[in-house]
Amino acid sequence: MSEQEELTAMQHRLDELLQRVGQLERTVDELRGAGPAASAAAESKSPAPELVTIPDTPYNSALWTDSDDEGLGARDRHAP
């Protein structure tokens, strides 16, 4: 097979892949109960995500009682 034939075959495979991905996207939209126009409108009008405030205060040290340091093992034991 010549280089040109290989490139043509790869282009056909790529075109087929793109077509199947498009079909898959349409199927997913239908399964979600939205047509192509509805899903595009929903994406453009999606509400802003809710922000969660994380306090700067330190965590309660009791949360870490009897915990192992990741990769270091338990505090009361020594490495072999």
PDB file of N, CA and C in Angstrom:
ATOM      1  N   MET A   1       0.853  -1.167   0.000  1.00  0.00           N
ATOM      2  CA  MET A   1       0.000   0.000   0.000  1.00  0.00           C
ATOM      3  C   MET A   1       0.903   1.235   0.000  1.00  0.00           C
ATOM      4  N   SER A   2       0.600   2.178  -0.879  1.00  0.00           N
ATOM      5  CA  SER A   2       1.413   3.387  -0.977  1.00  0.00           C
ATOM      6  C   SER A   2       1.081   4.336   0.182  1.00  0.00           C
ATOM      7  N   GLU A   3       1.934   5.318   0.338  1.00  0.00           N
ATOM      8  CA  GLU A   3       1.726   6.302   1.391  1.00  0.00           C
ATOM      9  C   GLU A   3       0.407   7.041   1.194  1.00  0.00           C
ATOM     10  N   GLN A   4       0.130   7.392  -0.045  1.00  0.00           N
ATOM     11  CA  GLN A   4      -1.110   8.115  -0.353  1.00  0.00           C
ATOM     12  C   GLN A   4      -2.334   7.262  -0.018  1.00  0.00           C
ATOM     13  N   GLU A   5      -2.283   5.975  -0.312  1.00  0.00           N
ATOM     14  CA  GLU A   5      -3.398   5.077   0.003  1.00  0.00           C
ATOM     15  C   GLU A   5      -3.570   4.949   1.513  1.00  0.00           C
ATOM     16  N   GLU A   6      -2.455   4.890   2.237  1.00  0.00           N
ATOM     17  CA  GLU A   6      -2.527   4.801   3.697  1.00  0.00           C
ATOM     18  C   GLU A   6      -3.146   6.064   4.274  1.00  0.00           C
ATOM     19  N   LEU A   7      -2.745   7.235   3.763  1.00  0.00           N
ATOM     20  CA  LEU A   7      -3.304   8.492   4.239  1.00  0.00           C
ATOM     21  C   LEU A   7      -4.805   8.579   3.945  1.00  0.00           C
ATOM     22  N   THR A   8      -5.199   8.126   2.770  1.00  0.00           N
ATOM     23  CA  THR A   8      -6.617   8.127   2.404  1.00  0.00           C
ATOM     24  C   THR A   8      -7.410   7.202   3.321  1.00  0.00           C
ATOM     25  N   ALA A   9      -6.862   6.022   3.597  1.00  0.00           N
ATOM     26  CA  ALA A   9      -7.538   5.067   4.479  1.00  0.00           C
ATOM     27  C   ALA A   9      -7.662   5.649   5.890  1.00  0.00           C
ATOM     28  N   MET A  10      -6.611   6.305   6.368  1.00  0.00           N
ATOM     29  CA  MET A  10      -6.653   6.908   7.699  1.00  0.00           C
ATOM     30  C   MET A  10      -7.680   8.044   7.744  1.00  0.00           C
ATOM     31  N   GLN A  11      -7.780   8.824   6.676  1.00  0.00           N
ATOM     32  CA  GLN A  11      -8.756   9.906   6.616  1.00  0.00           C
ATOM     33  C   GLN A  11     -10.174   9.352   6.673  1.00  0.00           C
ATOM     34  N   HIS A  12     -10.419   8.245   5.970  1.00  0.00           N
ATOM     35  CA  HIS A  12     -11.742   7.613   6.012  1.00  0.00           C
ATOM     36  C   HIS A  12     -12.063   7.116   7.418  1.00  0.00           C
ATOM     37  N   ARG A  13     -11.068   6.526   8.076  1.00  0.00           N
ATOM     38  CA  ARG A  13     -11.282   6.039   9.453  1.00  0.00           C
ATOM     39  C   ARG A  13     -11.559   7.198  10.396  1.00  0.00           C
ATOM     40  N   LEU A  14     -10.830   8.291  10.222  1.00  0.00           N
ATOM     41  CA  LEU A  14     -11.040   9.458  11.072  1.00  0.00           C
ATOM     42  C   LEU A  14     -12.429  10.048  10.844  1.00  0.00           C
ATOM     43  N   ASP A  15     -12.845  10.139   9.582  1.00  0.00           N
ATOM     44  CA  ASP A  15     -14.183  10.642   9.273  1.00  0.00           C
ATOM     45  C   ASP A  15     -15.258   9.760   9.913  1.00  0.00           C
ATOM     46  N   GLU A  16     -15.067   8.441   9.838  1.00  0.00           N
ATOM     47  CA  GLU A  16     -16.026   7.512  10.434  1.00  0.00           C
ATOM     48  C   GLU A  16     -16.065   7.677  11.954  1.00  0.00           C
ATOM     49  N   LEU A  17     -14.901   7.861  12.564  1.00  0.00           N
ATOM     50  CA  LEU A  17     -14.835   8.055  14.010  1.00  0.00           C
ATOM     51  C   LEU A  17     -15.582   9.325  14.410  1.00  0.00           C
ATOM     52  N   LEU A  18     -15.356  10.413  13.680  1.00  0.00           N
ATOM     53  CA  LEU A  18     -16.045  11.664  13.995  1.00  0.00           C
ATOM     54  C   LEU A  18     -17.562  11.519  13.848  1.00  0.00           C
ATOM     55  N   GLN A  19     -17.984  10.784  12.834  1.00  0.00           N
ATOM     56  CA  GLN A  19     -19.415  10.555  12.628  1.00  0.00           C
ATOM     57  C   GLN A  19     -20.002   9.762  13.794  1.00  0.00           C
ATOM     58  N   ARG A  20     -19.290   8.738  14.232  1.00  0.00           N
ATOM     59  CA  ARG A  20     -19.793   7.914  15.339  1.00  0.00           C
ATOM     60  C   ARG A  20     -19.811   8.681  16.657  1.00  0.00           C
ATOM     61  N   VAL A  21     -18.828   9.547  16.868  1.00  0.00           N
ATOM     62  CA  VAL A  21     -18.828  10.361  18.084  1.00  0.00           C
ATOM     63  C   VAL A  21     -20.027  11.306  18.068  1.00  0.00           C
ATOM     64  N   GLY A  22     -20.324  11.875  16.898  1.00  0.00           N
ATOM     65  CA  GLY A  22     -21.503  12.733  16.778  1.00  0.00           C
ATOM     66  C   GLY A  22     -22.775  11.976  17.082  1.00  0.00           C
ATOM     67  N   GLN A  23     -22.875  10.749  16.579  1.00  0.00           N
ATOM     68  CA  GLN A  23     -24.050   9.924  16.859  1.00  0.00           C
ATOM     69  C   GLN A  23     -24.157   9.628  18.351  1.00  0.00           C
ATOM     70  N   LEU A  24     -23.017   9.343  18.972  1.00  0.00           N
ATOM     71  CA  LEU A  24     -23.004   9.054  20.403  1.00  0.00           C
ATOM     72  C   LEU A  24     -23.451  10.276  21.204  1.00  0.00           C
ATOM     73  N   GLU A  25     -22.980  11.453  20.825  1.00  0.00           N
ATOM     74  CA  GLU A  25     -23.389  12.670  21.525  1.00  0.00           C
ATOM     75  C   GLU A  25     -24.899  12.900  21.387  1.00  0.00           C
ATOM     76  N   ARG A  26     -25.438  12.665  20.209  1.00  0.00           N
ATOM     77  CA  ARG A  26     -26.884  12.825  20.013  1.00  0.00           C
ATOM     78  C   ARG A  26     -27.663  11.810  20.845  1.00  0.00           C
ATOM     79  N   THR A  27     -27.182  10.581  20.901  1.00  0.00           N
ATOM     80  CA  THR A  27     -27.843   9.548  21.697  1.00  0.00           C
ATOM     81  C   THR A  27     -27.838   9.917  23.175  1.00  0.00           C
ATOM     82  N   VAL A  28     -26.719  10.417  23.670  1.00  0.00           N
ATOM     83  CA  VAL A  28     -26.633  10.824  25.075  1.00  0.00           C
ATOM     84  C   VAL A  28     -27.607  11.962  25.352  1.00  0.00           C
ATOM     85  N   ASP A  29     -27.677  12.938  24.439  1.00  0.00           N
ATOM     86  CA  ASP A  29     -28.630  14.032  24.608  1.00  0.00           C
ATOM     87  C   ASP A  29     -30.063  13.509  24.671  1.00  0.00           C
ATOM     88  N   GLU A  30     -30.399  12.558  23.803  1.00  0.00           N
ATOM     89  CA  GLU A  30     -31.751  11.998  23.799  1.00  0.00           C
ATOM     90  C   GLU A  30     -32.027  11.236  25.087  1.00  0.00           C
ATOM     91  N   LEU A  31     -31.041  10.496  25.576  1.00  0.00           N
ATOM     92  CA  LEU A  31     -31.237   9.741  26.815  1.00  0.00           C
ATOM     93  C   LEU A  31     -31.401  10.668  28.009  1.00  0.00           C
ATOM     94  N   ARG A  32     -30.800  11.825  27.939  1.00  0.00           N
ATOM     95  CA  ARG A  32     -30.954  12.804  29.013  1.00  0.00           C
ATOM     96  C   ARG A  32     -32.268  13.564  28.899  1.00  0.00           C
ATOM     97  N   GLY A  33     -32.998  13.326  27.810  1.00  0.00           N
ATOM     98  CA  GLY A  33     -34.293  13.959  27.642  1.00  0.00           C
ATOM     99  C   GLY A  33     -34.230  15.327  27.003  1.00  0.00           C
ATOM    100  N   ALA A  34     -33.131  15.616  26.348  1.00  0.00           N
ATOM    101  CA  ALA A  34     -33.016  16.918  25.698  1.00  0.00           C
ATOM    102  C   ALA A  34     -32.587  16.713  24.260  1.00  0.00           C
ATOM    103  N   GLY A  35     -33.204  17.450  23.370  1.00  0.00           N
ATOM    104  CA  GLY A  35     -32.796  17.419  21.982  1.00  0.00           C
ATOM    105  C   GLY A  35     -31.545  18.259  21.797  1.00  0.00           C
ATOM    106  N   PRO A  36     -30.979  18.278  20.601  1.00  0.00           N
ATOM    107  CA  PRO A  36     -29.760  19.053  20.362  1.00  0.00           C
ATOM    108  C   PRO A  36     -29.927  20.535  20.673  1.00  0.00           C
ATOM    109  N   ALA A  37     -31.047  21.142  20.314  1.00  0.00           N
ATOM    110  CA  ALA A  37     -31.265  22.567  20.578  1.00  0.00           C
ATOM    111  C   ALA A  37     -31.428  22.819  22.078  1.00  0.00           C
ATOM    112  N   ALA A  38     -32.139  21.928  22.751  1.00  0.00           N
ATOM    113  CA  ALA A  38     -32.369  22.102  24.188  1.00  0.00           C
ATOM    114  C   ALA A  38     -31.072  21.975  24.969  1.00  0.00           C
ATOM    115  N   SER A  39     -30.211  21.038  24.582  1.00  0.00           N
ATOM    116  CA  SER A  39     -28.959  20.870  25.312  1.00  0.00           C
ATOM    117  C   SER A  39     -28.035  22.059  25.101  1.00  0.00           C
ATOM    118  N   ALA A  40     -28.029  22.642  23.898  1.00  0.00           N
ATOM    119  CA  ALA A  40     -27.201  23.823  23.645  1.00  0.00           C
ATOM    120  C   ALA A  40     -27.722  25.004  24.448  1.00  0.00           C
ATOM    121  N   ALA A  41     -29.035  25.154  24.533  1.00  0.00           N
ATOM    122  CA  ALA A  41     -29.616  26.244  25.308  1.00  0.00           C
ATOM    123  C   ALA A  41     -29.347  26.051  26.796  1.00  0.00           C
ATOM    124  N   ALA A  42     -29.419  24.825  27.258  1.00  0.00           N
ATOM    125  CA  ALA A  42     -29.177  24.545  28.672  1.00  0.00           C
ATOM    126  C   ALA A  42     -27.739  24.848  29.045  1.00  0.00           C
ATOM    127  N   GLU A  43     -26.802  24.539  28.151  1.00  0.00           N
ATOM    128  CA  GLU A  43     -25.400  24.808  28.429  1.00  0.00           C
ATOM    129  C   GLU A  43     -25.144  26.303  28.525  1.00  0.00           C
ATOM    130  N   SER A  44     -25.785  27.088  27.667  1.00  0.00           N
ATOM    131  CA  SER A  44     -25.546  28.521  27.668  1.00  0.00           C
ATOM    132  C   SER A  44     -26.229  29.225  28.834  1.00  0.00           C
ATOM    133  N   LYS A  45     -27.284  28.624  29.421  1.00  0.00           N
ATOM    134  CA  LYS A  45     -28.031  29.245  30.500  1.00  0.00           C
ATOM    135  C   LYS A  45     -27.814  28.547  31.842  1.00  0.00           C
ATOM    136  N   SER A  46     -26.764  27.778  31.986  1.00  0.00           N
ATOM    137  CA  SER A  46     -26.560  27.063  33.235  1.00  0.00           C
ATOM    138  C   SER A  46     -26.240  28.052  34.353  1.00  0.00           C
ATOM    139  N   PRO A  47     -26.788  27.817  35.538  1.00  0.00           N
ATOM    140  CA  PRO A  47     -26.550  28.738  36.653  1.00  0.00           C
ATOM    141  C   PRO A  47     -25.100  28.647  37.134  1.00  0.00           C
ATOM    142  N   ALA A  48     -24.652  29.717  37.748  1.00  0.00           N
ATOM    143  CA  ALA A  48     -23.291  29.724  38.294  1.00  0.00           C
ATOM    144  C   ALA A  48     -23.222  28.716  39.436  1.00  0.00           C
ATOM    145  N   PRO A  49     -22.097  28.041  39.581  1.00  0.00           N
ATOM    146  CA  PRO A  49     -21.984  27.060  40.668  1.00  0.00           C
ATOM    147  C   PRO A  49     -22.032  27.752  42.029  1.00  0.00           C
ATOM    148  N   GLU A  50     -22.597  27.047  42.996  1.00  0.00           N
ATOM    149  CA  GLU A  50     -22.697  27.592  44.346  1.00  0.00           C
ATOM    150  C   GLU A  50     -21.317  27.598  44.988  1.00  0.00           C
ATOM    151  N   LEU A  51     -20.940  28.727  45.573  1.00  0.00           N
ATOM    152  CA  LEU A  51     -19.639  28.843  46.220  1.00  0.00           C
ATOM    153  C   LEU A  51     -19.745  28.395  47.667  1.00  0.00           C
ATOM    154  N   VAL A  52     -18.741  27.667  48.131  1.00  0.00           N
ATOM    155  CA  VAL A  52     -18.702  27.190  49.501  1.00  0.00           C
ATOM    156  C   VAL A  52     -17.519  27.844  50.193  1.00  0.00           C
ATOM    157  N   THR A  53     -17.757  28.481  51.309  1.00  0.00           N
ATOM    158  CA  THR A  53     -16.694  29.131  52.067  1.00  0.00           C
ATOM    159  C   THR A  53     -16.029  28.106  52.977  1.00  0.00           C
ATOM    160  N   ILE A  54     -14.717  28.047  52.904  1.00  0.00           N
ATOM    161  CA  ILE A  54     -13.942  27.140  53.759  1.00  0.00           C
ATOM    162  C   ILE A  54     -13.257  27.994  54.810  1.00  0.00           C
ATOM    163  N   PRO A  55     -13.521  27.739  56.092  1.00  0.00           N
ATOM    164  CA  PRO A  55     -12.951  28.584  57.140  1.00  0.00           C
ATOM    165  C   PRO A  55     -11.430  28.414  57.237  1.00  0.00           C
ATOM    166  N   ASP A  56     -10.764  29.484  57.706  1.00  0.00           N
ATOM    167  CA  ASP A  56      -9.314  29.448  57.883  1.00  0.00           C
ATOM    168  C   ASP A  56      -8.908  28.883  59.234  1.00  0.00           C
ATOM    169  N   THR A  57      -9.863  28.591  60.088  1.00  0.00           N
ATOM    170  CA  THR A  57      -9.546  28.070  61.415  1.00  0.00           C
ATOM    171  C   THR A  57      -8.954  26.669  61.295  1.00  0.00           C
ATOM    172  N   PRO A  58      -8.039  26.308  62.207  1.00  0.00           N
ATOM    173  CA  PRO A  58      -7.437  24.973  62.145  1.00  0.00           C
ATOM    174  C   PRO A  58      -8.466  23.883  62.436  1.00  0.00           C
ATOM    175  N   TYR A  59      -8.208  22.695  61.884  1.00  0.00           N
ATOM    176  CA  TYR A  59      -9.083  21.560  62.138  1.00  0.00           C
ATOM    177  C   TYR A  59      -8.920  21.088  63.573  1.00  0.00           C
ATOM    178  N   ASN A  60      -9.949  20.433  64.071  1.00  0.00           N
ATOM    179  CA  ASN A  60      -9.907  19.833  65.394  1.00  0.00           C
ATOM    180  C   ASN A  60      -8.871  18.709  65.366  1.00  0.00           C
ATOM    181  N   SER A  61      -7.880  18.753  66.245  1.00  0.00           N
ATOM    182  CA  SER A  61      -6.815  17.744  66.242  1.00  0.00           C
ATOM    183  C   SER A  61      -7.334  16.346  66.558  1.00  0.00           C
ATOM    184  N   ALA A  62      -8.520  16.240  67.154  1.00  0.00           N
ATOM    185  CA  ALA A  62      -9.099  14.929  67.454  1.00  0.00           C
ATOM    186  C   ALA A  62      -9.432  14.178  66.162  1.00  0.00           C
ATOM    187  N   LEU A  63      -9.586  14.895  65.058  1.00  0.00           N
ATOM    188  CA  LEU A  63      -9.855  14.235  63.781  1.00  0.00           C
ATOM    189  C   LEU A  63      -8.689  13.355  63.345  1.00  0.00           C
ATOM    190  N   TRP A  64      -7.502  13.692  63.803  1.00  0.00           N
ATOM    191  CA  TRP A  64      -6.304  12.998  63.326  1.00  0.00           C
ATOM    192  C   TRP A  64      -5.778  11.975  64.339  1.00  0.00           C
ATOM    193  N   THR A  65      -6.494  11.767  65.427  1.00  0.00           N
ATOM    194  CA  THR A  65      -6.062  10.789  66.420  1.00  0.00           C
ATOM    195  C   THR A  65      -6.029   9.399  65.795  1.00  0.00           C
ATOM    196  N   ASP A  66      -4.968   8.648  66.053  1.00  0.00           N
ATOM    197  CA  ASP A  66      -4.774   7.284  65.550  1.00  0.00           C
ATOM    198  C   ASP A  66      -4.671   7.210  64.030  1.00  0.00           C
ATOM    199  N   SER A  67      -4.330   8.291  63.390  1.00  0.00           N
ATOM    200  CA  SER A  67      -4.166   8.240  61.936  1.00  0.00           C
ATOM    201  C   SER A  67      -2.702   8.005  61.592  1.00  0.00           C
ATOM    202  N   ASP A  68      -2.474   7.410  60.449  1.00  0.00           N
ATOM    203  CA  ASP A  68      -1.117   7.174  59.968  1.00  0.00           C
ATOM    204  C   ASP A  68      -0.712   8.328  59.057  1.00  0.00           C
ATOM    205  N   ASP A  69       0.581   8.649  59.108  1.00  0.00           N
ATOM    206  CA  ASP A  69       1.093   9.616  58.145  1.00  0.00           C
ATOM    207  C   ASP A  69       1.267   8.872  56.838  1.00  0.00           C
ATOM    208  N   GLU A  70       0.651   9.384  55.790  1.00  0.00           N
ATOM    209  CA  GLU A  70       0.659   8.684  54.515  1.00  0.00           C
ATOM    210  C   GLU A  70       2.086   8.441  54.045  1.00  0.00           C
ATOM    211  N   GLY A  71       2.402   7.186  53.814  1.00  0.00           N
ATOM    212  CA  GLY A  71       3.718   6.804  53.329  1.00  0.00           C
ATOM    213  C   GLY A  71       4.753   6.643  54.425  1.00  0.00           C
ATOM    214  N   LEU A  72       4.423   7.089  55.650  1.00  0.00           N
ATOM    215  CA  LEU A  72       5.387   7.004  56.739  1.00  0.00           C
ATOM    216  C   LEU A  72       5.000   5.961  57.775  1.00  0.00           C
ATOM    217  N   GLY A  73       3.788   5.478  57.756  1.00  0.00           N
ATOM    218  CA  GLY A  73       3.345   4.486  58.715  1.00  0.00           C
ATOM    219  C   GLY A  73       2.830   5.129  59.990  1.00  0.00           C
ATOM    220  N   ALA A  74       2.570   4.311  60.973  1.00  0.00           N
ATOM    221  CA  ALA A  74       2.019   4.803  62.248  1.00  0.00           C
ATOM    222  C   ALA A  74       3.093   5.535  63.026  1.00  0.00           C
ATOM    223  N   ARG A  75       2.661   6.494  63.844  1.00  0.00           N
ATOM    224  CA  ARG A  75       3.607   7.320  64.595  1.00  0.00           C
ATOM    225  C   ARG A  75       4.347   6.548  65.676  1.00  0.00           C
ATOM    226  N   ASP A  76       3.696   5.532  66.255  1.00  0.00           N
ATOM    227  CA  ASP A  76       4.328   4.815  67.376  1.00  0.00           C
ATOM    228  C   ASP A  76       5.170   3.627  66.933  1.00  0.00           C
ATOM    229  N   ARG A  77       5.323   3.416  65.639  1.00  0.00           N
ATOM    230  CA  ARG A  77       6.137   2.316  65.126  1.00  0.00           C
ATOM    231  C   ARG A  77       7.300   2.855  64.317  1.00  0.00           C
ATOM    232  N   HIS A  78       8.353   2.053  64.207  1.00  0.00           N
ATOM    233  CA  HIS A  78       9.532   2.440  63.451  1.00  0.00           C
ATOM    234  C   HIS A  78       9.620   1.626  62.165  1.00  0.00           C
ATOM    235  N   ALA A  79      10.285   2.182  61.199  1.00  0.00           N
ATOM    236  CA  ALA A  79      10.459   1.451  59.939  1.00  0.00           C
ATOM    237  C   ALA A  79      11.365   0.252  60.177  1.00  0.00           C
ATOM    238  N   PRO A  80      11.133  -0.828  59.444  1.00  0.00           N
ATOM    239  CA  PRO A  80      11.954  -2.042  59.637  1.00  0.00           C
ATOM    240  C   PRO A  80      13.397  -1.827  59.238  1.00  0.00           C
TER     241      PRO A  80
END
